Structures are given as C-alpha cells and as structure tokens.
Amino acid sequence: MANRHTIILMQTSQNRATRTFMDYDSISQAMDGICGLYERKLKDLNPAILNITYDIADLYNFIDGLADMSALVYDHSIQAYLPYDRQWIKQRTFQHLKKRATR
C-alpha cells in the first residue's frame, strides 16, 4: 500500500466553485493531509486555544459535513486510479490515526 499516489477530491459547500483537490505520494500522506485540513479549521475557529484536541467522531463529522469528498488511488497492477468514497476515507483515517497513536 506504500507509495500509491492518492488524489483527494473535495467540495466544501454546495457551491461548485469550492471544488478542489489535493494530491499526495501515498495513502498515508493523504490521510495526514485530511487530518491537517481539519486541524487548520479548528485553529481558525479557536485562535486563542494553543492545544486543540479532537476525537475520531469530530473528524468524521467534519468529513460528513463536506458537500463531497472522495479519493483516487493509483493501482500499479492496472496502471489506473481506483475511486474510493467518503466511507473508505473515514475508515482509512481511523486506521491511520490508530497506527500513529501506537508509535
């Protein structure tokens, strides 16, 4: 699963102009990117708080609150990108954070 180019497609509101993408060299980096996006939003909303904490339910609510979010992950065996939905992203962020917490 390492080094699988991953593109995160997202739309923050119903306005089509909010569509954007982020690309990463691996699924792990993409999950870090999604967490970082949420953490930046928390810092913007709470500038006076130095140490912001959140749990997985908060992150899931953030992901579910977006108008759209999906992932395209490169599969070397077929030389194409495979699409994954919001639920897959939530499962992968959970696995990723769990792995980071045990380090």
PDB file of N, CA and C in Angstrom:
ATOM      1  N   MET A   1       0.814  -1.201   0.000  1.00  0.00           N
ATOM      2  CA  MET A   1       0.000   0.000   0.000  1.00  0.00           C
ATOM      3  C   MET A   1       0.857   1.264   0.000  1.00  0.00           C
ATOM      4  N   ALA A   2       2.149   1.124   0.284  1.00  0.00           N
ATOM      5  CA  ALA A   2       3.004   2.307   0.332  1.00  0.00           C
ATOM      6  C   ALA A   2       3.228   2.855  -1.074  1.00  0.00           C
ATOM      7  N   ASN A   3       3.479   4.142  -1.143  1.00  0.00           N
ATOM      8  CA  ASN A   3       3.802   4.818  -2.394  1.00  0.00           C
ATOM      9  C   ASN A   3       2.737   4.645  -3.476  1.00  0.00           C
ATOM     10  N   ARG A   4       1.487   4.759  -3.076  1.00  0.00           N
ATOM     11  CA  ARG A   4       0.389   4.738  -4.047  1.00  0.00           C
ATOM     12  C   ARG A   4      -0.142   6.159  -4.156  1.00  0.00           C
ATOM     13  N   HIS A   5       0.158   6.796  -5.270  1.00  0.00           N
ATOM     14  CA  HIS A   5      -0.267   8.178  -5.465  1.00  0.00           C
ATOM     15  C   HIS A   5      -1.755   8.290  -5.183  1.00  0.00           C
ATOM     16  N   THR A   6      -2.128   9.292  -4.388  1.00  0.00           N
ATOM     17  CA  THR A   6      -3.516   9.463  -3.955  1.00  0.00           C
ATOM     18  C   THR A   6      -3.961  10.893  -4.196  1.00  0.00           C
ATOM     19  N   ILE A   7      -5.116  11.018  -4.810  1.00  0.00           N
ATOM     20  CA  ILE A   7      -5.712  12.330  -5.049  1.00  0.00           C
ATOM     21  C   ILE A   7      -6.996  12.406  -4.225  1.00  0.00           C
ATOM     22  N   ILE A   8      -7.099  13.422  -3.384  1.00  0.00           N
ATOM     23  CA  ILE A   8      -8.312  13.655  -2.609  1.00  0.00           C
ATOM     24  C   ILE A   8      -9.122  14.727  -3.330  1.00  0.00           C
ATOM     25  N   LEU A   9     -10.343  14.389  -3.703  1.00  0.00           N
ATOM     26  CA  LEU A   9     -11.257  15.325  -4.342  1.00  0.00           C
ATOM     27  C   LEU A   9     -12.242  15.791  -3.290  1.00  0.00           C
ATOM     28  N   MET A  10     -12.450  17.096  -3.192  1.00  0.00           N
ATOM     29  CA  MET A  10     -13.393  17.572  -2.188  1.00  0.00           C
ATOM     30  C   MET A  10     -14.129  18.812  -2.653  1.00  0.00           C
ATOM     31  N   GLN A  11     -15.306  18.972  -2.073  1.00  0.00           N
ATOM     32  CA  GLN A  11     -16.130  20.152  -2.303  1.00  0.00           C
ATOM     33  C   GLN A  11     -16.652  20.555  -0.937  1.00  0.00           C
ATOM     34  N   THR A  12     -16.313  21.772  -0.502  1.00  0.00           N
ATOM     35  CA  THR A  12     -16.629  22.174   0.873  1.00  0.00           C
ATOM     36  C   THR A  12     -18.067  22.631   1.067  1.00  0.00           C
ATOM     37  N   SER A  13     -18.721  23.083  -0.008  1.00  0.00           N
ATOM     38  CA  SER A  13     -20.119  23.511   0.114  1.00  0.00           C
ATOM     39  C   SER A  13     -20.864  23.128  -1.163  1.00  0.00           C
ATOM     40  N   GLN A  14     -22.135  23.462  -1.229  1.00  0.00           N
ATOM     41  CA  GLN A  14     -22.922  23.142  -2.416  1.00  0.00           C
ATOM     42  C   GLN A  14     -22.477  23.956  -3.637  1.00  0.00           C
ATOM     43  N   ASN A  15     -21.752  25.035  -3.406  1.00  0.00           N
ATOM     44  CA  ASN A  15     -21.243  25.872  -4.486  1.00  0.00           C
ATOM     45  C   ASN A  15     -20.154  25.111  -5.242  1.00  0.00           C
ATOM     46  N   ARG A  16     -20.368  24.892  -6.527  1.00  0.00           N
ATOM     47  CA  ARG A  16     -19.402  24.128  -7.326  1.00  0.00           C
ATOM     48  C   ARG A  16     -18.029  24.785  -7.373  1.00  0.00           C
ATOM     49  N   ALA A  17     -17.969  26.078  -7.115  1.00  0.00           N
ATOM     50  CA  ALA A  17     -16.688  26.789  -7.125  1.00  0.00           C
ATOM     51  C   ALA A  17     -15.780  26.356  -5.971  1.00  0.00           C
ATOM     52  N   THR A  18     -16.319  25.636  -4.983  1.00  0.00           N
ATOM     53  CA  THR A  18     -15.499  25.184  -3.849  1.00  0.00           C
ATOM     54  C   THR A  18     -14.846  23.829  -4.126  1.00  0.00           C
ATOM     55  N   ARG A  19     -15.033  23.306  -5.318  1.00  0.00           N
ATOM     56  CA  ARG A  19     -14.376  22.034  -5.663  1.00  0.00           C
ATOM     57  C   ARG A  19     -12.868  22.245  -5.730  1.00  0.00           C
ATOM     58  N   THR A  20     -12.140  21.290  -5.160  1.00  0.00           N
ATOM     59  CA  THR A  20     -10.683  21.356  -5.204  1.00  0.00           C
ATOM     60  C   THR A  20     -10.124  19.949  -5.072  1.00  0.00           C
ATOM     61  N   PHE A  21      -8.816  19.827  -5.189  1.00  0.00           N
ATOM     62  CA  PHE A  21      -8.172  18.536  -4.992  1.00  0.00           C
ATOM     63  C   PHE A  21      -6.839  18.746  -4.307  1.00  0.00           C
ATOM     64  N   MET A  22      -6.370  17.676  -3.691  1.00  0.00           N
ATOM     65  CA  MET A  22      -5.051  17.653  -3.061  1.00  0.00           C
ATOM     66  C   MET A  22      -4.409  16.346  -3.494  1.00  0.00           C
ATOM     67  N   ASP A  23      -3.139  16.373  -3.868  1.00  0.00           N
ATOM     68  CA  ASP A  23      -2.531  15.094  -4.239  1.00  0.00           C
ATOM     69  C   ASP A  23      -1.324  14.792  -3.364  1.00  0.00           C
ATOM     70  N   TYR A  24      -1.136  13.499  -3.130  1.00  0.00           N
ATOM     71  CA  TYR A  24      -0.123  13.006  -2.196  1.00  0.00           C
ATOM     72  C   TYR A  24       0.589  11.801  -2.800  1.00  0.00           C
ATOM     73  N   ASP A  25       1.771  11.538  -2.306  1.00  0.00           N
ATOM     74  CA  ASP A  25       2.556  10.412  -2.793  1.00  0.00           C
ATOM     75  C   ASP A  25       2.094   9.065  -2.238  1.00  0.00           C
ATOM     76  N   SER A  26       1.292   9.093  -1.177  1.00  0.00           N
ATOM     77  CA  SER A  26       0.840   7.837  -0.580  1.00  0.00           C
ATOM     78  C   SER A  26      -0.510   8.034   0.101  1.00  0.00           C
ATOM     79  N   ILE A  27      -1.163   6.935   0.398  1.00  0.00           N
ATOM     80  CA  ILE A  27      -2.434   6.975   1.127  1.00  0.00           C
ATOM     81  C   ILE A  27      -2.198   7.574   2.513  1.00  0.00           C
ATOM     82  N   SER A  28      -1.115   7.175   3.159  1.00  0.00           N
ATOM     83  CA  SER A  28      -0.797   7.668   4.493  1.00  0.00           C
ATOM     84  C   SER A  28      -0.649   9.195   4.509  1.00  0.00           C
ATOM     85  N   GLN A  29       0.066   9.728   3.522  1.00  0.00           N
ATOM     86  CA  GLN A  29       0.223  11.179   3.444  1.00  0.00           C
ATOM     87  C   GLN A  29      -1.126  11.856   3.189  1.00  0.00           C
ATOM     88  N   ALA A  30      -1.979  11.217   2.400  1.00  0.00           N
ATOM     89  CA  ALA A  30      -3.308  11.779   2.134  1.00  0.00           C
ATOM     90  C   ALA A  30      -4.129  11.842   3.415  1.00  0.00           C
ATOM     91  N   MET A  31      -4.049  10.801   4.243  1.00  0.00           N
ATOM     92  CA  MET A  31      -4.801  10.796   5.495  1.00  0.00           C
ATOM     93  C   MET A  31      -4.255  11.874   6.442  1.00  0.00           C
ATOM     94  N   ASP A  32      -2.924  12.052   6.452  1.00  0.00           N
ATOM     95  CA  ASP A  32      -2.327  13.150   7.221  1.00  0.00           C
ATOM     96  C   ASP A  32      -2.848  14.497   6.716  1.00  0.00           C
ATOM     97  N   GLY A  33      -2.969  14.610   5.402  1.00  0.00           N
ATOM     98  CA  GLY A  33      -3.456  15.850   4.805  1.00  0.00           C
ATOM     99  C   GLY A  33      -4.880  16.173   5.214  1.00  0.00           C
ATOM    100  N   ILE A  34      -5.731  15.157   5.248  1.00  0.00           N
ATOM    101  CA  ILE A  34      -7.129  15.358   5.664  1.00  0.00           C
ATOM    102  C   ILE A  34      -7.183  15.771   7.133  1.00  0.00           C
ATOM    103  N   CYS A  35      -6.412  15.092   7.972  1.00  0.00           N
ATOM    104  CA  CYS A  35      -6.363  15.465   9.392  1.00  0.00           C
ATOM    105  C   CYS A  35      -5.845  16.888   9.546  1.00  0.00           C
ATOM    106  N   GLY A  36      -4.814  17.244   8.789  1.00  0.00           N
ATOM    107  CA  GLY A  36      -4.255  18.586   8.846  1.00  0.00           C
ATOM    108  C   GLY A  36      -5.256  19.644   8.419  1.00  0.00           C
ATOM    109  N   LEU A  37      -6.060  19.327   7.422  1.00  0.00           N
ATOM    110  CA  LEU A  37      -7.104  20.234   6.963  1.00  0.00           C
ATOM    111  C   LEU A  37      -8.094  20.517   8.090  1.00  0.00           C
ATOM    112  N   TYR A  38      -8.498  19.456   8.786  1.00  0.00           N
ATOM    113  CA  TYR A  38      -9.428  19.610   9.909  1.00  0.00           C
ATOM    114  C   TYR A  38      -8.771  20.386  11.051  1.00  0.00           C
ATOM    115  N   GLU A  39      -7.520  20.078  11.340  1.00  0.00           N
ATOM    116  CA  GLU A  39      -6.822  20.765  12.423  1.00  0.00           C
ATOM    117  C   GLU A  39      -6.670  22.260  12.125  1.00  0.00           C
ATOM    118  N   ARG A  40      -6.403  22.621  10.870  1.00  0.00           N
ATOM    119  CA  ARG A  40      -6.321  24.034  10.497  1.00  0.00           C
ATOM    120  C   ARG A  40      -7.669  24.725  10.674  1.00  0.00           C
ATOM    121  N   LYS A  41      -8.740  24.015  10.339  1.00  0.00           N
ATOM    122  CA  LYS A  41     -10.070  24.590  10.522  1.00  0.00           C
ATOM    123  C   LYS A  41     -10.330  24.829  12.014  1.00  0.00           C
ATOM    124  N   LEU A  42      -9.958  23.867  12.854  1.00  0.00           N
ATOM    125  CA  LEU A  42     -10.135  24.032  14.306  1.00  0.00           C
ATOM    126  C   LEU A  42      -9.333  25.227  14.817  1.00  0.00           C
ATOM    127  N   LYS A  43      -8.108  25.396  14.343  1.00  0.00           N
ATOM    128  CA  LYS A  43      -7.278  26.528  14.768  1.00  0.00           C
ATOM    129  C   LYS A  43      -7.871  27.853  14.314  1.00  0.00           C
ATOM    130  N   ASP A  44      -8.425  27.867  13.108  1.00  0.00           N
ATOM    131  CA  ASP A  44      -9.080  29.090  12.611  1.00  0.00           C
ATOM    132  C   ASP A  44     -10.296  29.449  13.455  1.00  0.00           C
ATOM    133  N   LEU A  45     -11.039  28.433  13.880  1.00  0.00           N
ATOM    134  CA  LEU A  45     -12.242  28.666  14.678  1.00  0.00           C
ATOM    135  C   LEU A  45     -11.927  28.979  16.135  1.00  0.00           C
ATOM    136  N   ASN A  46     -10.756  28.538  16.613  1.00  0.00           N
ATOM    137  CA  ASN A  46     -10.366  28.710  18.022  1.00  0.00           C
ATOM    138  C   ASN A  46      -8.952  29.263  18.127  1.00  0.00           C
ATOM    139  N   PRO A  47      -8.702  30.486  17.661  1.00  0.00           N
ATOM    140  CA  PRO A  47      -7.328  31.004  17.619  1.00  0.00           C
ATOM    141  C   PRO A  47      -6.678  31.186  18.988  1.00  0.00           C
ATOM    142  N   ALA A  48      -7.467  31.315  20.033  1.00  0.00           N
ATOM    143  CA  ALA A  48      -6.898  31.552  21.363  1.00  0.00           C
ATOM    144  C   ALA A  48      -6.457  30.256  22.055  1.00  0.00           C
ATOM    145  N   ILE A  49      -6.898  29.119  21.558  1.00  0.00           N
ATOM    146  CA  ILE A  49      -6.557  27.839  22.194  1.00  0.00           C
ATOM    147  C   ILE A  49      -5.274  27.301  21.570  1.00  0.00           C
ATOM    148  N   LEU A  50      -4.263  27.062  22.419  1.00  0.00           N
ATOM    149  CA  LEU A  50      -2.974  26.604  21.919  1.00  0.00           C
ATOM    150  C   LEU A  50      -2.960  25.116  21.566  1.00  0.00           C
ATOM    151  N   ASN A  51      -3.512  24.287  22.456  1.00  0.00           N
ATOM    152  CA  ASN A  51      -3.520  22.842  22.228  1.00  0.00           C
ATOM    153  C   ASN A  51      -4.950  22.370  21.997  1.00  0.00           C
ATOM    154  N   ILE A  52      -5.258  22.132  20.749  1.00  0.00           N
ATOM    155  CA  ILE A  52      -6.609  21.686  20.395  1.00  0.00           C
ATOM    156  C   ILE A  52      -6.603  20.172  20.267  1.00  0.00           C
ATOM    157  N   THR A  53      -7.587  19.546  20.902  1.00  0.00           N
ATOM    158  CA  THR A  53      -7.730  18.094  20.792  1.00  0.00           C
ATOM    159  C   THR A  53      -9.078  17.775  20.162  1.00  0.00           C
ATOM    160  N   TYR A  54      -9.146  16.615  19.554  1.00  0.00           N
ATOM    161  CA  TYR A  54     -10.394  16.154  18.955  1.00  0.00           C
ATOM    162  C   TYR A  54     -10.394  14.639  18.945  1.00  0.00           C
ATOM    163  N   ASP A  55     -11.571  14.058  18.785  1.00  0.00           N
ATOM    164  CA  ASP A  55     -11.628  12.601  18.675  1.00  0.00           C
ATOM    165  C   ASP A  55     -12.110  12.222  17.280  1.00  0.00           C
ATOM    166  N   ILE A  56     -12.156  10.944  17.016  1.00  0.00           N
ATOM    167  CA  ILE A  56     -12.476  10.461  15.673  1.00  0.00           C
ATOM    168  C   ILE A  56     -13.885  10.871  15.252  1.00  0.00           C
ATOM    169  N   ALA A  57     -14.809  10.963  16.192  1.00  0.00           N
ATOM    170  CA  ALA A  57     -16.176  11.377  15.858  1.00  0.00           C
ATOM    171  C   ALA A  57     -16.188  12.811  15.324  1.00  0.00           C
ATOM    172  N   ASP A  58     -15.355  13.672  15.898  1.00  0.00           N
ATOM    173  CA  ASP A  58     -15.248  15.060  15.412  1.00  0.00           C
ATOM    174  C   ASP A  58     -14.721  15.088  13.976  1.00  0.00           C
ATOM    175  N   LEU A  59     -13.711  14.279  13.714  1.00  0.00           N
ATOM    176  CA  LEU A  59     -13.142  14.216  12.371  1.00  0.00           C
ATOM    177  C   LEU A  59     -14.178  13.678  11.381  1.00  0.00           C
ATOM    178  N   TYR A  60     -14.909  12.648  11.793  1.00  0.00           N
ATOM    179  CA  TYR A  60     -15.969  12.091  10.932  1.00  0.00           C
ATOM    180  C   TYR A  60     -17.036  13.143  10.639  1.00  0.00           C
ATOM    181  N   ASN A  61     -17.408  13.924  11.636  1.00  0.00           N
ATOM    182  CA  ASN A  61     -18.406  14.980  11.423  1.00  0.00           C
ATOM    183  C   ASN A  61     -17.901  16.022  10.425  1.00  0.00           C
ATOM    184  N   PHE A  62     -16.609  16.341  10.508  1.00  0.00           N
ATOM    185  CA  PHE A  62     -16.011  17.264   9.550  1.00  0.00           C
ATOM    186  C   PHE A  62     -16.101  16.702   8.130  1.00  0.00           C
ATOM    187  N   ILE A  63     -15.709  15.440   7.982  1.00  0.00           N
ATOM    188  CA  ILE A  63     -15.741  14.793   6.662  1.00  0.00           C
ATOM    189  C   ILE A  63     -17.177  14.717   6.142  1.00  0.00           C
ATOM    190  N   ASP A  64     -18.110  14.334   7.018  1.00  0.00           N
ATOM    191  CA  ASP A  64     -19.520  14.235   6.615  1.00  0.00           C
ATOM    192  C   ASP A  64     -20.130  15.602   6.316  1.00  0.00           C
ATOM    193  N   GLY A  65     -19.572  16.653   6.915  1.00  0.00           N
ATOM    194  CA  GLY A  65     -20.095  17.995   6.715  1.00  0.00           C
ATOM    195  C   GLY A  65     -19.699  18.618   5.385  1.00  0.00           C
ATOM    196  N   LEU A  66     -18.738  18.008   4.709  1.00  0.00           N
ATOM    197  CA  LEU A  66     -18.342  18.498   3.392  1.00  0.00           C
ATOM    198  C   LEU A  66     -19.400  18.091   2.370  1.00  0.00           C
ATOM    199  N   ALA A  67     -19.582  18.916   1.359  1.00  0.00           N
ATOM    200  CA  ALA A  67     -20.558  18.571   0.317  1.00  0.00           C
ATOM    201  C   ALA A  67     -20.145  17.277  -0.383  1.00  0.00           C
ATOM    202  N   ASP A  68     -18.840  17.089  -0.581  1.00  0.00           N
ATOM    203  CA  ASP A  68     -18.365  15.860  -1.222  1.00  0.00           C
ATOM    204  C   ASP A  68     -16.904  15.640  -0.888  1.00  0.00           C
ATOM    205  N   MET A  69     -16.528  14.378  -0.767  1.00  0.00           N
ATOM    206  CA  MET A  69     -15.129  14.006  -0.590  1.00  0.00           C
ATOM    207  C   MET A  69     -14.961  12.587  -1.104  1.00  0.00           C
ATOM    208  N   SER A  70     -13.942  12.390  -1.922  1.00  0.00           N
ATOM    209  CA  SER A  70     -13.630  11.056  -2.416  1.00  0.00           C
ATOM    210  C   SER A  70     -12.128  10.991  -2.686  1.00  0.00           C
ATOM    211  N   ALA A  71     -11.660   9.791  -2.981  1.00  0.00           N
ATOM    212  CA  ALA A  71     -10.235   9.590  -3.226  1.00  0.00           C
ATOM    213  C   ALA A  71     -10.037   8.794  -4.506  1.00  0.00           C
ATOM    214  N   LEU A  72      -8.956   9.096  -5.189  1.00  0.00           N
ATOM    215  CA  LEU A  72      -8.500   8.308  -6.324  1.00  0.00           C
ATOM    216  C   LEU A  72      -7.119   7.795  -5.957  1.00  0.00           C
ATOM    217  N   VAL A  73      -6.962   6.472  -5.940  1.00  0.00           N
ATOM    218  CA  VAL A  73      -5.698   5.858  -5.526  1.00  0.00           C
ATOM    219  C   VAL A  73      -5.129   5.065  -6.702  1.00  0.00           C
ATOM    220  N   TYR A  74      -3.876   5.348  -7.017  1.00  0.00           N
ATOM    221  CA  TYR A  74      -3.248   4.681  -8.156  1.00  0.00           C
ATOM    222  C   TYR A  74      -2.958   3.228  -7.829  1.00  0.00           C
ATOM    223  N   ASP A  75      -3.358   2.356  -8.744  1.00  0.00           N
ATOM    224  CA  ASP A  75      -3.091   0.927  -8.612  1.00  0.00           C
ATOM    225  C   ASP A  75      -2.088   0.549  -9.699  1.00  0.00           C
ATOM    226  N   HIS A  76      -0.882   0.206  -9.279  1.00  0.00           N
ATOM    227  CA  HIS A  76       0.191  -0.098 -10.229  1.00  0.00           C
ATOM    228  C   HIS A  76      -0.140  -1.308 -11.103  1.00  0.00           C
ATOM    229  N   SER A  77      -0.886  -2.269 -10.557  1.00  0.00           N
ATOM    230  CA  SER A  77      -1.155  -3.503 -11.310  1.00  0.00           C
ATOM    231  C   SER A  77      -2.024  -3.260 -12.544  1.00  0.00           C
ATOM    232  N   ILE A  78      -2.886  -2.277 -12.485  1.00  0.00           N
ATOM    233  CA  ILE A  78      -3.735  -1.980 -13.654  1.00  0.00           C
ATOM    234  C   ILE A  78      -3.388  -0.638 -14.288  1.00  0.00           C
ATOM    235  N   GLN A  79      -2.408   0.042 -13.712  1.00  0.00           N
ATOM    236  CA  GLN A  79      -1.951   1.343 -14.186  1.00  0.00           C
ATOM    237  C   GLN A  79      -3.108   2.322 -14.370  1.00  0.00           C
ATOM    238  N   ALA A  80      -3.927   2.413 -13.310  1.00  0.00           N
ATOM    239  CA  ALA A  80      -5.082   3.316 -13.330  1.00  0.00           C
ATOM    240  C   ALA A  80      -5.429   3.706 -11.894  1.00  0.00           C
ATOM    241  N   TYR A  81      -6.236   4.741 -11.774  1.00  0.00           N
ATOM    242  CA  TYR A  81      -6.702   5.185 -10.460  1.00  0.00           C
ATOM    243  C   TYR A  81      -8.018   4.506 -10.120  1.00  0.00           C
ATOM    244  N   LEU A  82      -8.126   4.040  -8.890  1.00  0.00           N
ATOM    245  CA  LEU A  82      -9.366   3.439  -8.398  1.00  0.00           C
ATOM    246  C   LEU A  82     -10.072   4.437  -7.495  1.00  0.00           C
ATOM    247  N   PRO A  83     -11.388   4.590  -7.654  1.00  0.00           N
ATOM    248  CA  PRO A  83     -12.130   5.553  -6.832  1.00  0.00           C
ATOM    249  C   PRO A  83     -12.551   4.947  -5.493  1.00  0.00           C
ATOM    250  N   TYR A  84     -12.537   5.778  -4.459  1.00  0.00           N
ATOM    251  CA  TYR A  84     -12.993   5.370  -3.128  1.00  0.00           C
ATOM    252  C   TYR A  84     -13.875   6.470  -2.563  1.00  0.00           C
ATOM    253  N   ASP A  85     -14.876   6.072  -1.801  1.00  0.00           N
ATOM    254  CA  ASP A  85     -15.858   7.034  -1.292  1.00  0.00           C
ATOM    255  C   ASP A  85     -15.485   7.569   0.090  1.00  0.00           C
ATOM    256  N   ARG A  86     -16.357   8.410   0.575  1.00  0.00           N
ATOM    257  CA  ARG A  86     -16.185   9.067   1.875  1.00  0.00           C
ATOM    258  C   ARG A  86     -16.049   8.043   3.010  1.00  0.00           C
ATOM    259  N   GLN A  87     -16.828   6.963   2.947  1.00  0.00           N
ATOM    260  CA  GLN A  87     -16.769   5.937   3.997  1.00  0.00           C
ATOM    261  C   GLN A  87     -15.383   5.296   4.048  1.00  0.00           C
ATOM    262  N   TRP A  88     -14.805   5.013   2.893  1.00  0.00           N
ATOM    263  CA  TRP A  88     -13.462   4.446   2.823  1.00  0.00           C
ATOM    264  C   TRP A  88     -12.461   5.418   3.427  1.00  0.00           C
ATOM    265  N   ILE A  89     -12.607   6.710   3.122  1.00  0.00           N
ATOM    266  CA  ILE A  89     -11.705   7.728   3.674  1.00  0.00           C
ATOM    267  C   ILE A  89     -11.803   7.738   5.192  1.00  0.00           C
ATOM    268  N   LYS A  90     -13.010   7.655   5.729  1.00  0.00           N
ATOM    269  CA  LYS A  90     -13.176   7.647   7.191  1.00  0.00           C
ATOM    270  C   LYS A  90     -12.520   6.418   7.801  1.00  0.00           C
ATOM    271  N   GLN A  91     -12.677   5.268   7.180  1.00  0.00           N
ATOM    272  CA  GLN A  91     -12.035   4.050   7.696  1.00  0.00           C
ATOM    273  C   GLN A  91     -10.518   4.167   7.658  1.00  0.00           C
ATOM    274  N   ARG A  92      -9.996   4.714   6.558  1.00  0.00           N
ATOM    275  CA  ARG A  92      -8.549   4.846   6.428  1.00  0.00           C
ATOM    276  C   ARG A  92      -7.967   5.885   7.388  1.00  0.00           C
ATOM    277  N   THR A  93      -8.693   6.988   7.619  1.00  0.00           N
ATOM    278  CA  THR A  93      -8.187   7.973   8.583  1.00  0.00           C
ATOM    279  C   THR A  93      -8.161   7.362   9.981  1.00  0.00           C
ATOM    280  N   PHE A  94      -9.172   6.571  10.320  1.00  0.00           N
ATOM    281  CA  PHE A  94      -9.194   5.914  11.631  1.00  0.00           C
ATOM    282  C   PHE A  94      -8.000   4.978  11.770  1.00  0.00           C
ATOM    283  N   GLN A  95      -7.766   4.116  10.770  1.00  0.00           N
ATOM    284  CA  GLN A  95      -6.620   3.197  10.815  1.00  0.00           C
ATOM    285  C   GLN A  95      -5.309   3.973  10.907  1.00  0.00           C
ATOM    286  N   HIS A  96      -5.217   5.046  10.163  1.00  0.00           N
ATOM    287  CA  HIS A  96      -4.002   5.862  10.140  1.00  0.00           C
ATOM    288  C   HIS A  96      -3.737   6.497  11.505  1.00  0.00           C
ATOM    289  N   LEU A  97      -4.775   7.082  12.104  1.00  0.00           N
ATOM    290  CA  LEU A  97      -4.602   7.710  13.417  1.00  0.00           C
ATOM    291  C   LEU A  97      -4.294   6.673  14.489  1.00  0.00           C
ATOM    292  N   LYS A  98      -4.915   5.501  14.383  1.00  0.00           N
ATOM    293  CA  LYS A  98      -4.650   4.428  15.346  1.00  0.00           C
ATOM    294  C   LYS A  98      -3.193   3.995  15.257  1.00  0.00           C
ATOM    295  N   LYS A  99      -2.679   3.883  14.044  1.00  0.00           N
ATOM    296  CA  LYS A  99      -1.287   3.498  13.836  1.00  0.00           C
ATOM    297  C   LYS A  99      -0.351   4.576  14.380  1.00  0.00           C
ATOM    298  N   ARG A 100      -0.693   5.850  14.161  1.00  0.00           N
ATOM    299  CA  ARG A 100       0.134   6.956  14.657  1.00  0.00           C
ATOM    300  C   ARG A 100       0.142   6.998  16.175  1.00  0.00           C
ATOM    301  N   ALA A 101      -0.978   6.642  16.810  1.00  0.00           N
ATOM    302  CA  ALA A 101      -1.087   6.713  18.266  1.00  0.00           C
ATOM    303  C   ALA A 101      -0.247   5.633  18.950  1.00  0.00           C
ATOM    304  N   THR A 102       0.021   4.545  18.241  1.00  0.00           N
ATOM    305  CA  THR A 102       0.772   3.453  18.862  1.00  0.00           C
ATOM    306  C   THR A 102       2.278   3.581  18.630  1.00  0.00           C
ATOM    307  N   ARG A 103       2.680   4.610  17.920  1.00  0.00           N
ATOM    308  CA  ARG A 103       4.126   4.792  17.671  1.00  0.00           C
ATOM    309  C   ARG A 103       4.838   5.327  18.880  1.00  0.00           C
TER     310      ARG A 103
END
